[in-house]
Amino acid sequence: MKLIRNITKYDKFIILALSLLFVGIGIQRQENLVVFKKAVNICLECIGVG
């Protein structure tokens, strides 16, 4: 039994376009800054500096 169907090149293009759209929306809402701040806090907590 095959769990994954054959993915056509059109499916790949649609997935790529959607992912770029969502990345663009995230950057427009400045969510990349939020993610960066959380990453810095996690790193500083793990190292024990912060």
N, C-alpha and C. Protein backbone atom coordinates (compact mmCIF):
# COMPACT_ATOMS: atom_id res chain seq x y z
N MET A 1 0.85 -1.17 0.00
CA MET A 1 0.00 0.00 0.00
C MET A 1 0.90 1.24 0.00
N LYS A 2 0.64 2.14 -0.93
CA LYS A 2 1.42 3.34 -1.06
C LYS A 2 0.76 4.46 -0.24
N LEU A 3 1.51 5.06 0.67
CA LEU A 3 0.95 6.08 1.53
C LEU A 3 1.00 7.47 0.90
N ILE A 4 1.99 7.72 0.04
CA ILE A 4 2.14 9.03 -0.57
C ILE A 4 1.88 8.88 -2.07
N ARG A 5 0.99 9.74 -2.58
CA ARG A 5 0.71 9.67 -4.00
C ARG A 5 1.82 10.36 -4.78
N ASN A 6 1.85 10.16 -6.05
CA ASN A 6 2.86 10.81 -6.87
C ASN A 6 2.62 12.32 -6.88
N ILE A 7 3.67 13.06 -6.61
CA ILE A 7 3.59 14.52 -6.58
C ILE A 7 4.05 15.03 -7.93
N THR A 8 3.21 15.80 -8.58
CA THR A 8 3.57 16.33 -9.89
C THR A 8 4.37 17.62 -9.72
N LYS A 9 4.93 18.10 -10.82
CA LYS A 9 5.71 19.33 -10.73
C LYS A 9 4.79 20.52 -10.44
N TYR A 10 3.52 20.42 -10.79
CA TYR A 10 2.58 21.49 -10.47
C TYR A 10 2.32 21.55 -8.97
N ASP A 11 2.24 20.38 -8.33
CA ASP A 11 2.06 20.35 -6.88
C ASP A 11 3.26 20.98 -6.18
N LYS A 12 4.45 20.70 -6.68
CA LYS A 12 5.65 21.27 -6.10
C LYS A 12 5.66 22.79 -6.26
N PHE A 13 5.22 23.28 -7.41
CA PHE A 13 5.17 24.71 -7.65
C PHE A 13 4.17 25.38 -6.72
N ILE A 14 3.03 24.75 -6.52
CA ILE A 14 2.01 25.31 -5.63
C ILE A 14 2.52 25.36 -4.19
N ILE A 15 3.18 24.30 -3.74
CA ILE A 15 3.73 24.28 -2.39
C ILE A 15 4.81 25.35 -2.23
N LEU A 16 5.66 25.51 -3.24
CA LEU A 16 6.70 26.54 -3.19
C LEU A 16 6.08 27.94 -3.14
N ALA A 17 5.07 28.18 -3.98
CA ALA A 17 4.42 29.49 -4.01
C ALA A 17 3.74 29.80 -2.67
N LEU A 18 3.07 28.82 -2.10
CA LEU A 18 2.41 29.03 -0.81
C LEU A 18 3.43 29.30 0.30
N SER A 19 4.53 28.56 0.28
CA SER A 19 5.53 28.77 1.33
C SER A 19 6.16 30.16 1.21
N LEU A 20 6.43 30.62 -0.01
CA LEU A 20 6.97 31.96 -0.19
C LEU A 20 5.96 33.02 0.22
N LEU A 21 4.69 32.78 -0.04
CA LEU A 21 3.65 33.70 0.36
C LEU A 21 3.60 33.83 1.88
N PHE A 22 3.62 32.69 2.58
CA PHE A 22 3.55 32.73 4.04
C PHE A 22 4.81 33.33 4.66
N VAL A 23 5.98 33.09 4.07
CA VAL A 23 7.20 33.72 4.56
C VAL A 23 7.10 35.24 4.38
N GLY A 24 6.59 35.67 3.24
CA GLY A 24 6.42 37.10 3.00
C GLY A 24 5.45 37.73 3.97
N ILE A 25 4.35 37.05 4.27
CA ILE A 25 3.38 37.56 5.24
C ILE A 25 4.02 37.66 6.63
N GLY A 26 4.80 36.66 7.00
CA GLY A 26 5.46 36.68 8.30
C GLY A 26 6.45 37.82 8.41
N ILE A 27 7.21 38.08 7.34
CA ILE A 27 8.16 39.18 7.36
C ILE A 27 7.43 40.51 7.42
N GLN A 28 6.33 40.62 6.70
CA GLN A 28 5.54 41.86 6.72
C GLN A 28 5.01 42.15 8.12
N ARG A 29 4.63 41.11 8.85
CA ARG A 29 4.11 41.28 10.21
C ARG A 29 5.23 41.34 11.24
N GLN A 30 6.48 41.31 10.79
CA GLN A 30 7.69 41.37 11.61
C GLN A 30 7.76 40.22 12.61
N GLU A 31 7.28 39.07 12.22
CA GLU A 31 7.36 37.91 13.10
C GLU A 31 8.77 37.33 13.13
N ASN A 32 9.58 37.66 12.13
CA ASN A 32 10.96 37.19 12.16
C ASN A 32 11.72 37.78 13.35
N LEU A 33 11.38 39.01 13.75
CA LEU A 33 12.03 39.61 14.91
C LEU A 33 11.64 38.90 16.20
N VAL A 34 10.39 38.49 16.29
CA VAL A 34 9.92 37.76 17.47
C VAL A 34 10.64 36.42 17.58
N VAL A 35 10.76 35.73 16.45
CA VAL A 35 11.44 34.43 16.45
C VAL A 35 12.91 34.60 16.82
N PHE A 36 13.54 35.66 16.30
CA PHE A 36 14.95 35.91 16.62
C PHE A 36 15.13 36.20 18.11
N LYS A 37 14.25 36.99 18.69
CA LYS A 37 14.35 37.30 20.12
C LYS A 37 14.19 36.03 20.96
N LYS A 38 13.26 35.17 20.58
CA LYS A 38 13.07 33.93 21.34
C LYS A 38 14.28 33.02 21.20
N ALA A 39 14.86 32.96 20.00
CA ALA A 39 16.05 32.13 19.80
C ALA A 39 17.22 32.63 20.63
N VAL A 40 17.39 33.94 20.69
CA VAL A 40 18.48 34.50 21.51
C VAL A 40 18.26 34.18 22.98
N ASN A 41 17.03 34.34 23.46
CA ASN A 41 16.73 34.04 24.87
C ASN A 41 16.97 32.58 25.20
N ILE A 42 16.56 31.70 24.31
CA ILE A 42 16.77 30.27 24.56
C ILE A 42 18.27 29.96 24.59
N CYS A 43 19.03 30.52 23.66
CA CYS A 43 20.47 30.26 23.63
C CYS A 43 21.15 30.79 24.89
N LEU A 44 20.76 32.00 25.31
CA LEU A 44 21.39 32.56 26.50
C LEU A 44 21.01 31.78 27.75
N GLU A 45 19.80 31.24 27.80
CA GLU A 45 19.40 30.44 28.98
C GLU A 45 20.14 29.12 29.00
N CYS A 46 20.35 28.52 27.83
CA CYS A 46 21.06 27.24 27.80
C CYS A 46 22.52 27.39 28.18
N ILE A 47 23.14 28.47 27.72
CA ILE A 47 24.54 28.70 28.05
C ILE A 47 24.68 29.15 29.50
N GLY A 48 23.67 29.84 30.00
CA GLY A 48 23.70 30.30 31.37
C GLY A 48 24.22 31.72 31.52
N VAL A 49 24.33 32.43 30.41
CA VAL A 49 24.84 33.81 30.46
C VAL A 49 23.73 34.75 30.94
N GLY A 50 22.50 34.52 30.42
CA GLY A 50 21.40 35.45 30.70
C GLY A 50 20.76 35.20 31.95
